[in-house]
Amino acid sequence: MRCSRADTAMYQAKDAGKNTYRIFDPAIQQALEKRAELETGLRQAVRGLQLTLLYQNQVDEDGRLIGVEALLRWQHPLLGEVPPMEFIPLAEETGFILDIGKWVLEAACAQLMRWSRKPETQRLSVAVNVSVRQFYQPGFVDQVRGIAAQYAIDPALLKLELTESIVLQNVEEAIAELKVLGVTLSMDDFGTGYSSLSYLKQLPFDQVKIDKSFVQGIGYNSNDIFIVSTVITLGRLLGMSVIAEGVEDIKQYEHLRELGCKLFQGYYFGRPKPADELSF
């Protein structure tokens, strides 16, 4: 149902604080209507078959495939493909991310189960991004345990990628339980926050992922080179593997190898694809 123009202006004024007024803005009205359409669509997407997973290669220093990252896509029947940057924040805000996150875990584990049946794919890992709201829901660890058992996968091949925003709170117990379960833990977007070093030292992560913003400047920005080199050295000293994301060309790949990086992900090694289109 569309909001009246007066209602729209009233809500804008309330959001701005006391003793303010707003004049109706058609652009804001349009944005509100699109948001309502996306919210309704998300509810239907979770129930239907509109969500899919694509997989992007993760390779070693010789370019050999060692695993993939599962990337969520939403194909809306009317709007077409909705960018993740549009629907993921909305899913977080509305709570749909809990159902979506569970679906992603199940789909990823189902793929691991299928790959486990073939010698050429049975050691491939699948990395899954875990949202803040998903991680802090009651029973998250039990959910992961149950899904892993349901599909009879090797838990070590399921890699949970956690951002620094997740580990800024008290997560030691949950992470310890996940380690006991045997899943692999990776700190995503490393270096973009303010407390990464301290949390990396305290928490038992298996892997660190260098954010693509540093990788993109590695060929010409001395600060990015220093940061990447430091992360690689730190990972080695702490017994963690280090993977660089967003590698888009051979120069970035060669620079990273010269600095000692051994794992890579990015368009240079392949764009996200359905599982049946991957090359092994």
C-alpha atoms as a PDB file:
ATOM      1  CA  MET A   1       0.000   0.000   0.000  1.00  0.00           C
ATOM      2  CA  ARG A   2       1.378   3.382  -0.949  1.00  0.00           C
ATOM      3  CA  CYS A   3       2.012   5.994   1.681  1.00  0.00           C
ATOM      4  CA  SER A   4       0.304   9.324   1.161  1.00  0.00           C
ATOM      5  CA  ARG A   5       2.543  12.261   0.373  1.00  0.00           C
ATOM      6  CA  ALA A   6       1.701  13.851   3.704  1.00  0.00           C
ATOM      7  CA  ASP A   7       2.599  10.671   5.561  1.00  0.00           C
ATOM      8  CA  THR A   8       5.895  10.417   3.722  1.00  0.00           C
ATOM      9  CA  ALA A   9       6.847  13.981   4.628  1.00  0.00           C
ATOM     10  CA  MET A  10       5.741  13.387   8.228  1.00  0.00           C
ATOM     11  CA  TYR A  11       7.967  10.302   8.585  1.00  0.00           C
ATOM     12  CA  GLN A  12      10.912  12.221   7.145  1.00  0.00           C
ATOM     13  CA  ALA A  13      10.385  15.015   9.681  1.00  0.00           C
ATOM     14  CA  LYS A  14      10.162  12.531  12.566  1.00  0.00           C
ATOM     15  CA  ASP A  15      13.383  10.896  11.492  1.00  0.00           C
ATOM     16  CA  ALA A  16      15.103  14.289  11.397  1.00  0.00           C
ATOM     17  CA  GLY A  17      14.214  15.084  15.028  1.00  0.00           C
ATOM     18  CA  LYS A  18      11.995  17.482  16.935  1.00  0.00           C
ATOM     19  CA  ASN A  19      10.823  20.870  15.664  1.00  0.00           C
ATOM     20  CA  THR A  20      11.480  20.089  12.007  1.00  0.00           C
ATOM     21  CA  TYR A  21       9.388  19.870   8.873  1.00  0.00           C
ATOM     22  CA  ARG A  22       9.837  18.287   5.487  1.00  0.00           C
ATOM     23  CA  ILE A  23       8.347  18.879   2.056  1.00  0.00           C
ATOM     24  CA  PHE A  24       7.296  15.837   0.060  1.00  0.00           C
ATOM     25  CA  ASP A  25      10.111  14.540  -2.137  1.00  0.00           C
ATOM     26  CA  PRO A  26       9.075  12.214  -5.019  1.00  0.00           C
ATOM     27  CA  ALA A  27      12.519  10.573  -4.996  1.00  0.00           C
ATOM     28  CA  ILE A  28      12.083   9.520  -1.374  1.00  0.00           C
ATOM     29  CA  GLN A  29       8.589   8.267  -2.122  1.00  0.00           C
ATOM     30  CA  GLN A  30      10.013   6.168  -4.941  1.00  0.00           C
ATOM     31  CA  ALA A  31      12.756   4.804  -2.671  1.00  0.00           C
ATOM     32  CA  LEU A  32      10.177   3.844  -0.022  1.00  0.00           C
ATOM     33  CA  GLU A  33       8.060   2.051  -2.596  1.00  0.00           C
ATOM     34  CA  LYS A  34      11.081   0.164  -3.942  1.00  0.00           C
ATOM     35  CA  ARG A  35      12.053  -0.836  -0.417  1.00  0.00           C
ATOM     36  CA  ALA A  36       8.537  -2.142   0.233  1.00  0.00           C
ATOM     37  CA  GLU A  37       8.668  -4.083  -3.029  1.00  0.00           C
ATOM     38  CA  LEU A  38      12.044  -5.596  -2.143  1.00  0.00           C
ATOM     39  CA  GLU A  39      10.871  -6.510   1.353  1.00  0.00           C
ATOM     40  CA  THR A  40       7.833  -8.305  -0.037  1.00  0.00           C
ATOM     41  CA  GLY A  41      10.021  -9.945  -2.661  1.00  0.00           C
ATOM     42  CA  LEU A  42      12.522 -11.154  -0.065  1.00  0.00           C
ATOM     43  CA  ARG A  43       9.790 -12.920   1.847  1.00  0.00           C
ATOM     44  CA  GLN A  44       8.758 -14.705  -1.343  1.00  0.00           C
ATOM     45  CA  ALA A  45      12.368 -15.395  -2.342  1.00  0.00           C
ATOM     46  CA  VAL A  46      13.041 -17.305   0.858  1.00  0.00           C
ATOM     47  CA  ARG A  47       9.950 -19.440   0.321  1.00  0.00           C
ATOM     48  CA  GLY A  48      10.445 -19.922  -3.408  1.00  0.00           C
ATOM     49  CA  LEU A  49      13.360 -20.747  -5.675  1.00  0.00           C
ATOM     50  CA  GLN A  50      14.657 -17.257  -6.406  1.00  0.00           C
ATOM     51  CA  LEU A  51      17.882 -17.552  -4.400  1.00  0.00           C
ATOM     52  CA  THR A  52      20.930 -19.222  -5.896  1.00  0.00           C
ATOM     53  CA  LEU A  53      24.587 -19.711  -5.013  1.00  0.00           C
ATOM     54  CA  LEU A  54      27.452 -18.975  -7.348  1.00  0.00           C
ATOM     55  CA  TYR A  55      30.964 -20.130  -6.556  1.00  0.00           C
ATOM     56  CA  GLN A  56      34.227 -18.246  -7.042  1.00  0.00           C
ATOM     57  CA  ASN A  57      37.551 -20.052  -7.253  1.00  0.00           C
ATOM     58  CA  GLN A  58      40.094 -19.985  -4.444  1.00  0.00           C
ATOM     59  CA  VAL A  59      43.500 -21.169  -5.671  1.00  0.00           C
ATOM     60  CA  ASP A  60      47.009 -21.828  -4.381  1.00  0.00           C
ATOM     61  CA  GLU A  61      50.215 -20.150  -5.576  1.00  0.00           C
ATOM     62  CA  ASP A  62      50.372 -22.441  -8.607  1.00  0.00           C
ATOM     63  CA  GLY A  63      46.811 -21.629  -9.633  1.00  0.00           C
ATOM     64  CA  ARG A  64      45.376 -24.967  -8.516  1.00  0.00           C
ATOM     65  CA  LEU A  65      41.809 -24.953  -7.278  1.00  0.00           C
ATOM     66  CA  ILE A  66      41.610 -25.632  -3.537  1.00  0.00           C
ATOM     67  CA  GLY A  67      38.100 -24.385  -2.791  1.00  0.00           C
ATOM     68  CA  VAL A  68      35.434 -21.805  -3.544  1.00  0.00           C
ATOM     69  CA  GLU A  69      33.524 -19.016  -1.890  1.00  0.00           C
ATOM     70  CA  ALA A  70      29.729 -19.306  -2.035  1.00  0.00           C
ATOM     71  CA  LEU A  71      28.177 -16.028  -3.195  1.00  0.00           C
ATOM     72  CA  LEU A  72      24.458 -15.406  -2.822  1.00  0.00           C
ATOM     73  CA  ARG A  73      22.405 -14.134  -5.764  1.00  0.00           C
ATOM     74  CA  TRP A  74      18.735 -13.153  -5.993  1.00  0.00           C
ATOM     75  CA  GLN A  75      16.874 -13.289  -9.291  1.00  0.00           C
ATOM     76  CA  HIS A  76      13.658 -11.299  -8.786  1.00  0.00           C
ATOM     77  CA  PRO A  77      10.882 -12.303 -11.242  1.00  0.00           C
ATOM     78  CA  LEU A  78      10.152  -8.656 -12.142  1.00  0.00           C
ATOM     79  CA  LEU A  79      13.231  -6.660 -11.140  1.00  0.00           C
ATOM     80  CA  GLY A  80      15.762  -9.133 -12.484  1.00  0.00           C
ATOM     81  CA  GLU A  81      18.992  -9.704 -10.575  1.00  0.00           C
ATOM     82  CA  VAL A  82      19.043  -7.640  -7.382  1.00  0.00           C
ATOM     83  CA  PRO A  83      22.591  -6.697  -6.284  1.00  0.00           C
ATOM     84  CA  PRO A  84      23.612  -8.162  -2.900  1.00  0.00           C
ATOM     85  CA  MET A  85      24.506  -4.673  -1.667  1.00  0.00           C
ATOM     86  CA  GLU A  86      20.820  -3.805  -1.997  1.00  0.00           C
ATOM     87  CA  PHE A  87      19.122  -6.814  -0.481  1.00  0.00           C
ATOM     88  CA  ILE A  88      21.610  -8.068   2.140  1.00  0.00           C
ATOM     89  CA  PRO A  89      21.340  -4.938   4.369  1.00  0.00           C
ATOM     90  CA  LEU A  90      17.551  -5.091   4.041  1.00  0.00           C
ATOM     91  CA  ALA A  91      17.575  -8.776   4.959  1.00  0.00           C
ATOM     92  CA  GLU A  92      19.667  -7.947   8.029  1.00  0.00           C
ATOM     93  CA  GLU A  93      17.300  -5.176   9.082  1.00  0.00           C
ATOM     94  CA  THR A  94      14.113  -7.166   8.583  1.00  0.00           C
ATOM     95  CA  GLY A  95      15.412 -10.417  10.044  1.00  0.00           C
ATOM     96  CA  PHE A  96      15.049 -12.376   6.794  1.00  0.00           C
ATOM     97  CA  ILE A  97      18.806 -12.915   6.956  1.00  0.00           C
ATOM     98  CA  LEU A  98      18.217 -15.700   9.502  1.00  0.00           C
ATOM     99  CA  ASP A  99      16.248 -17.823   7.053  1.00  0.00           C
ATOM    100  CA  ILE A 100      18.513 -16.827   4.175  1.00  0.00           C
ATOM    101  CA  GLY A 101      21.639 -17.647   6.158  1.00  0.00           C
ATOM    102  CA  LYS A 102      20.305 -21.070   7.052  1.00  0.00           C
ATOM    103  CA  TRP A 103      19.435 -21.713   3.394  1.00  0.00           C
ATOM    104  CA  VAL A 104      22.947 -20.736   2.322  1.00  0.00           C
ATOM    105  CA  LEU A 105      24.524 -23.085   4.876  1.00  0.00           C
ATOM    106  CA  GLU A 106      22.306 -25.942   3.733  1.00  0.00           C
ATOM    107  CA  ALA A 107      22.989 -25.295   0.042  1.00  0.00           C
ATOM    108  CA  ALA A 108      26.743 -25.059   0.642  1.00  0.00           C
ATOM    109  CA  CYS A 109      26.806 -28.282   2.670  1.00  0.00           C
ATOM    110  CA  ALA A 110      24.699 -30.043   0.052  1.00  0.00           C
ATOM    111  CA  GLN A 111      27.303 -29.035  -2.535  1.00  0.00           C
ATOM    112  CA  LEU A 112      30.107 -30.323  -0.309  1.00  0.00           C
ATOM    113  CA  MET A 113      28.259 -33.612  -0.013  1.00  0.00           C
ATOM    114  CA  ARG A 114      27.997 -33.919  -3.810  1.00  0.00           C
ATOM    115  CA  TRP A 115      31.677 -33.077  -4.270  1.00  0.00           C
ATOM    116  CA  SER A 116      32.710 -35.591  -1.618  1.00  0.00           C
ATOM    117  CA  ARG A 117      31.584 -38.392  -3.922  1.00  0.00           C
ATOM    118  CA  LYS A 118      34.169 -37.586  -6.607  1.00  0.00           C
ATOM    119  CA  PRO A 119      37.933 -37.981  -6.146  1.00  0.00           C
ATOM    120  CA  GLU A 120      38.735 -34.784  -8.065  1.00  0.00           C
ATOM    121  CA  THR A 121      36.497 -32.604  -5.866  1.00  0.00           C
ATOM    122  CA  GLN A 122      36.343 -34.370  -2.502  1.00  0.00           C
ATOM    123  CA  ARG A 123      38.919 -32.064  -0.834  1.00  0.00           C
ATOM    124  CA  LEU A 124      37.476 -28.756  -2.076  1.00  0.00           C
ATOM    125  CA  SER A 125      36.325 -26.366   0.648  1.00  0.00           C
ATOM    126  CA  VAL A 126      33.370 -23.985   0.532  1.00  0.00           C
ATOM    127  CA  ALA A 127      33.555 -20.602   2.253  1.00  0.00           C
ATOM    128  CA  VAL A 128      30.310 -19.072   3.520  1.00  0.00           C
ATOM    129  CA  ASN A 129      29.834 -15.523   4.730  1.00  0.00           C
ATOM    130  CA  VAL A 130      28.149 -15.290   8.135  1.00  0.00           C
ATOM    131  CA  SER A 131      26.213 -12.125   8.971  1.00  0.00           C
ATOM    132  CA  VAL A 132      26.282 -10.416  12.353  1.00  0.00           C
ATOM    133  CA  ARG A 133      22.628 -11.114  13.056  1.00  0.00           C
ATOM    134  CA  GLN A 134      22.966 -14.718  11.955  1.00  0.00           C
ATOM    135  CA  PHE A 135      25.991 -15.343  14.157  1.00  0.00           C
ATOM    136  CA  TYR A 136      24.346 -13.923  17.267  1.00  0.00           C
ATOM    137  CA  GLN A 137      21.025 -15.714  16.923  1.00  0.00           C
ATOM    138  CA  PRO A 138      20.420 -18.253  19.722  1.00  0.00           C
ATOM    139  CA  GLY A 139      21.555 -21.711  18.734  1.00  0.00           C
ATOM    140  CA  PHE A 140      23.734 -20.739  15.762  1.00  0.00           C
ATOM    141  CA  VAL A 141      26.449 -23.254  16.631  1.00  0.00           C
ATOM    142  CA  ASP A 142      23.836 -26.001  17.054  1.00  0.00           C
ATOM    143  CA  GLN A 143      22.416 -25.044  13.670  1.00  0.00           C
ATOM    144  CA  VAL A 144      25.814 -25.408  12.007  1.00  0.00           C
ATOM    145  CA  ARG A 145      26.389 -28.713  13.797  1.00  0.00           C
ATOM    146  CA  GLY A 146      23.001 -30.060  12.717  1.00  0.00           C
ATOM    147  CA  ILE A 147      23.382 -29.062   9.059  1.00  0.00           C
ATOM    148  CA  ALA A 148      26.911 -30.494   8.868  1.00  0.00           C
ATOM    149  CA  ALA A 149      25.638 -33.770  10.327  1.00  0.00           C
ATOM    150  CA  GLN A 150      22.586 -33.824   8.054  1.00  0.00           C
ATOM    151  CA  TYR A 151      24.770 -33.726   4.930  1.00  0.00           C
ATOM    152  CA  ALA A 152      27.542 -35.865   6.448  1.00  0.00           C
ATOM    153  CA  ILE A 153      30.300 -33.483   5.405  1.00  0.00           C
ATOM    154  CA  ASP A 154      33.838 -33.104   6.691  1.00  0.00           C
ATOM    155  CA  PRO A 155      33.400 -29.969   8.883  1.00  0.00           C
ATOM    156  CA  ALA A 156      36.931 -28.809   8.060  1.00  0.00           C
ATOM    157  CA  LEU A 157      35.822 -28.236   4.455  1.00  0.00           C
ATOM    158  CA  LEU A 158      33.147 -25.766   5.584  1.00  0.00           C
ATOM    159  CA  LYS A 159      34.798 -22.380   6.018  1.00  0.00           C
ATOM    160  CA  LEU A 160      32.856 -19.715   7.923  1.00  0.00           C
ATOM    161  CA  GLU A 161      33.948 -16.190   7.057  1.00  0.00           C
ATOM    162  CA  LEU A 162      33.433 -13.769   9.953  1.00  0.00           C
ATOM    163  CA  THR A 163      33.906 -10.010   9.641  1.00  0.00           C
ATOM    164  CA  GLU A 164      35.535  -7.899  12.313  1.00  0.00           C
ATOM    165  CA  SER A 165      32.149  -6.403  13.181  1.00  0.00           C
ATOM    166  CA  ILE A 166      31.194  -9.847  14.482  1.00  0.00           C
ATOM    167  CA  VAL A 167      34.242 -10.350  16.669  1.00  0.00           C
ATOM    168  CA  LEU A 168      34.022  -6.904  18.269  1.00  0.00           C
ATOM    169  CA  GLN A 169      31.726  -8.427  20.873  1.00  0.00           C
ATOM    170  CA  ASN A 170      32.162 -11.319  23.278  1.00  0.00           C
ATOM    171  CA  VAL A 171      32.387 -14.279  20.909  1.00  0.00           C
ATOM    172  CA  GLU A 172      35.072 -16.443  22.495  1.00  0.00           C
ATOM    173  CA  GLU A 173      32.660 -19.160  23.613  1.00  0.00           C
ATOM    174  CA  ALA A 174      30.857 -19.466  20.269  1.00  0.00           C
ATOM    175  CA  ILE A 175      34.115 -19.518  18.325  1.00  0.00           C
ATOM    176  CA  ALA A 176      35.564 -22.120  20.692  1.00  0.00           C
ATOM    177  CA  GLU A 177      32.495 -24.319  20.100  1.00  0.00           C
ATOM    178  CA  LEU A 178      32.853 -23.945  16.333  1.00  0.00           C
ATOM    179  CA  LYS A 179      36.501 -24.960  16.608  1.00  0.00           C
ATOM    180  CA  VAL A 180      35.499 -28.069  18.568  1.00  0.00           C
ATOM    181  CA  LEU A 181      32.983 -28.825  15.826  1.00  0.00           C
ATOM    182  CA  GLY A 182      35.879 -28.718  13.373  1.00  0.00           C
ATOM    183  CA  VAL A 183      34.808 -26.033  10.910  1.00  0.00           C
ATOM    184  CA  THR A 184      37.406 -23.677   9.457  1.00  0.00           C
ATOM    185  CA  LEU A 185      37.231 -20.046  10.582  1.00  0.00           C
ATOM    186  CA  SER A 186      38.368 -17.166   8.404  1.00  0.00           C
ATOM    187  CA  MET A 187      38.475 -13.465   9.303  1.00  0.00           C
ATOM    188  CA  ASP A 188      37.034 -11.645   6.297  1.00  0.00           C
ATOM    189  CA  ASP A 189      37.934  -8.120   5.084  1.00  0.00           C
ATOM    190  CA  PHE A 190      40.969  -8.089   7.336  1.00  0.00           C
ATOM    191  CA  GLY A 191      42.559  -4.667   7.846  1.00  0.00           C
ATOM    192  CA  THR A 192      39.446  -2.573   7.286  1.00  0.00           C
ATOM    193  CA  GLY A 193      38.676  -2.145  11.002  1.00  0.00           C
ATOM    194  CA  TYR A 194      40.486  -0.764  13.996  1.00  0.00           C
ATOM    195  CA  SER A 195      40.971  -3.776  16.246  1.00  0.00           C
ATOM    196  CA  SER A 196      41.906  -6.516  13.803  1.00  0.00           C
ATOM    197  CA  LEU A 197      45.373  -7.194  15.179  1.00  0.00           C
ATOM    198  CA  SER A 198      44.253  -7.673  18.756  1.00  0.00           C
ATOM    199  CA  TYR A 199      41.350  -9.954  17.835  1.00  0.00           C
ATOM    200  CA  LEU A 200      43.479 -11.963  15.451  1.00  0.00           C
ATOM    201  CA  LYS A 201      45.926 -12.589  18.263  1.00  0.00           C
ATOM    202  CA  GLN A 202      43.261 -13.603  20.791  1.00  0.00           C
ATOM    203  CA  LEU A 203      40.893 -15.718  18.688  1.00  0.00           C
ATOM    204  CA  PRO A 204      41.741 -19.099  17.113  1.00  0.00           C
ATOM    205  CA  PHE A 205      41.160 -18.272  13.460  1.00  0.00           C
ATOM    206  CA  ASP A 206      42.508 -20.605  10.790  1.00  0.00           C
ATOM    207  CA  GLN A 207      42.727 -18.054   8.024  1.00  0.00           C
ATOM    208  CA  VAL A 208      42.927 -14.331   7.321  1.00  0.00           C
ATOM    209  CA  LYS A 209      41.501 -12.801   4.162  1.00  0.00           C
ATOM    210  CA  ILE A 210      43.232  -9.639   2.915  1.00  0.00           C
ATOM    211  CA  ASP A 211      40.625  -7.130   1.824  1.00  0.00           C
ATOM    212  CA  LYS A 212      40.482  -6.341  -1.894  1.00  0.00           C
ATOM    213  CA  SER A 213      40.899  -2.607  -1.213  1.00  0.00           C
ATOM    214  CA  PHE A 214      44.550  -3.295  -0.282  1.00  0.00           C
ATOM    215  CA  VAL A 215      45.091  -5.758  -3.120  1.00  0.00           C
ATOM    216  CA  GLN A 216      43.952  -3.243  -5.738  1.00  0.00           C
ATOM    217  CA  GLY A 217      46.617  -0.744  -4.713  1.00  0.00           C
ATOM    218  CA  ILE A 218      49.460  -3.184  -4.242  1.00  0.00           C
ATOM    219  CA  GLY A 219      51.182  -2.294  -7.510  1.00  0.00           C
ATOM    220  CA  TYR A 220      51.606   1.407  -6.801  1.00  0.00           C
ATOM    221  CA  ASN A 221      50.624   2.303  -3.228  1.00  0.00           C
ATOM    222  CA  SER A 222      53.448   1.845  -0.702  1.00  0.00           C
ATOM    223  CA  ASN A 223      51.006   1.844   2.224  1.00  0.00           C
ATOM    224  CA  ASP A 224      49.017  -1.018   0.709  1.00  0.00           C
ATOM    225  CA  ILE A 225      52.216  -2.960   0.054  1.00  0.00           C
ATOM    226  CA  PHE A 226      53.276  -2.504   3.671  1.00  0.00           C
ATOM    227  CA  ILE A 227      49.869  -3.557   5.036  1.00  0.00           C
ATOM    228  CA  VAL A 228      49.671  -6.646   2.829  1.00  0.00           C
ATOM    229  CA  SER A 229      53.239  -7.648   3.703  1.00  0.00           C
ATOM    230  CA  THR A 230      52.532  -7.190   7.413  1.00  0.00           C
ATOM    231  CA  VAL A 231      49.366  -9.304   7.289  1.00  0.00           C
ATOM    232  CA  ILE A 232      51.169 -12.100   5.435  1.00  0.00           C
ATOM    233  CA  THR A 233      53.998 -12.100   7.977  1.00  0.00           C
ATOM    234  CA  LEU A 234      51.588 -11.941  10.906  1.00  0.00           C
ATOM    235  CA  GLY A 235      49.545 -14.821   9.558  1.00  0.00           C
ATOM    236  CA  ARG A 236      52.636 -16.952   9.174  1.00  0.00           C
ATOM    237  CA  LEU A 237      53.815 -16.182  12.711  1.00  0.00           C
ATOM    238  CA  LEU A 238      50.381 -17.017  14.149  1.00  0.00           C
ATOM    239  CA  GLY A 239      50.081 -20.247  12.173  1.00  0.00           C
ATOM    240  CA  MET A 240      47.225 -19.005   9.965  1.00  0.00           C
ATOM    241  CA  SER A 241      46.896 -19.222   6.216  1.00  0.00           C
ATOM    242  CA  VAL A 242      46.453 -15.939   4.348  1.00  0.00           C
ATOM    243  CA  ILE A 243      44.278 -15.497   1.271  1.00  0.00           C
ATOM    244  CA  ALA A 244      44.082 -12.352  -0.851  1.00  0.00           C
ATOM    245  CA  GLU A 245      40.721 -11.491  -2.410  1.00  0.00           C
ATOM    246  CA  GLY A 246      39.981  -9.238  -5.361  1.00  0.00           C
ATOM    247  CA  VAL A 247      42.980 -10.327  -7.466  1.00  0.00           C
ATOM    248  CA  GLU A 248      42.096  -9.041 -10.918  1.00  0.00           C
ATOM    249  CA  ASP A 249      45.270  -9.264 -13.022  1.00  0.00           C
ATOM    250  CA  ILE A 250      48.612 -11.015 -13.293  1.00  0.00           C
ATOM    251  CA  LYS A 251      50.549  -8.057 -11.869  1.00  0.00           C
ATOM    252  CA  GLN A 252      48.612  -8.174  -8.601  1.00  0.00           C
ATOM    253  CA  TYR A 253      49.075 -11.948  -8.518  1.00  0.00           C
ATOM    254  CA  GLU A 254      52.841 -11.650  -9.021  1.00  0.00           C
ATOM    255  CA  HIS A 255      53.190  -8.852  -6.442  1.00  0.00           C
ATOM    256  CA  LEU A 256      51.328 -10.944  -3.877  1.00  0.00           C
ATOM    257  CA  ARG A 257      53.459 -14.011  -4.586  1.00  0.00           C
ATOM    258  CA  GLU A 258      56.622 -11.940  -4.181  1.00  0.00           C
ATOM    259  CA  LEU A 259      55.363 -10.834  -0.754  1.00  0.00           C
ATOM    260  CA  GLY A 260      54.807 -14.453   0.271  1.00  0.00           C
ATOM    261  CA  CYS A 261      51.049 -14.844  -0.219  1.00  0.00           C
ATOM    262  CA  LYS A 262      50.094 -18.399  -1.162  1.00  0.00           C
ATOM    263  CA  LEU A 263      46.282 -18.338  -1.567  1.00  0.00           C
ATOM    264  CA  PHE A 264      44.226 -16.173  -3.914  1.00  0.00           C
ATOM    265  CA  GLN A 265      40.719 -15.316  -5.054  1.00  0.00           C
ATOM    266  CA  GLY A 266      39.461 -12.910  -7.701  1.00  0.00           C
ATOM    267  CA  TYR A 267      38.377 -12.383 -11.295  1.00  0.00           C
ATOM    268  CA  TYR A 268      41.862 -13.263 -12.548  1.00  0.00           C
ATOM    269  CA  PHE A 269      41.154 -16.856 -11.515  1.00  0.00           C
ATOM    270  CA  GLY A 270      37.509 -16.910 -12.541  1.00  0.00           C
ATOM    271  CA  ARG A 271      34.238 -15.123 -12.072  1.00  0.00           C
ATOM    272  CA  PRO A 272      31.505 -16.577  -9.833  1.00  0.00           C
ATOM    273  CA  LYS A 273      29.761 -19.485 -11.578  1.00  0.00           C
ATOM    274  CA  PRO A 274      27.192 -22.181 -10.876  1.00  0.00           C
ATOM    275  CA  ALA A 275      28.798 -25.307  -9.452  1.00  0.00           C
ATOM    276  CA  ASP A 276      28.289 -27.339 -12.639  1.00  0.00           C
ATOM    277  CA  GLU A 277      30.256 -24.762 -14.682  1.00  0.00           C
ATOM    278  CA  LEU A 278      33.415 -24.867 -12.570  1.00  0.00           C
ATOM    279  CA  SER A 279      36.539 -26.442 -14.041  1.00  0.00           C
ATOM    280  CA  PHE A 280      38.423 -28.998 -11.934  1.00  0.00           C
END
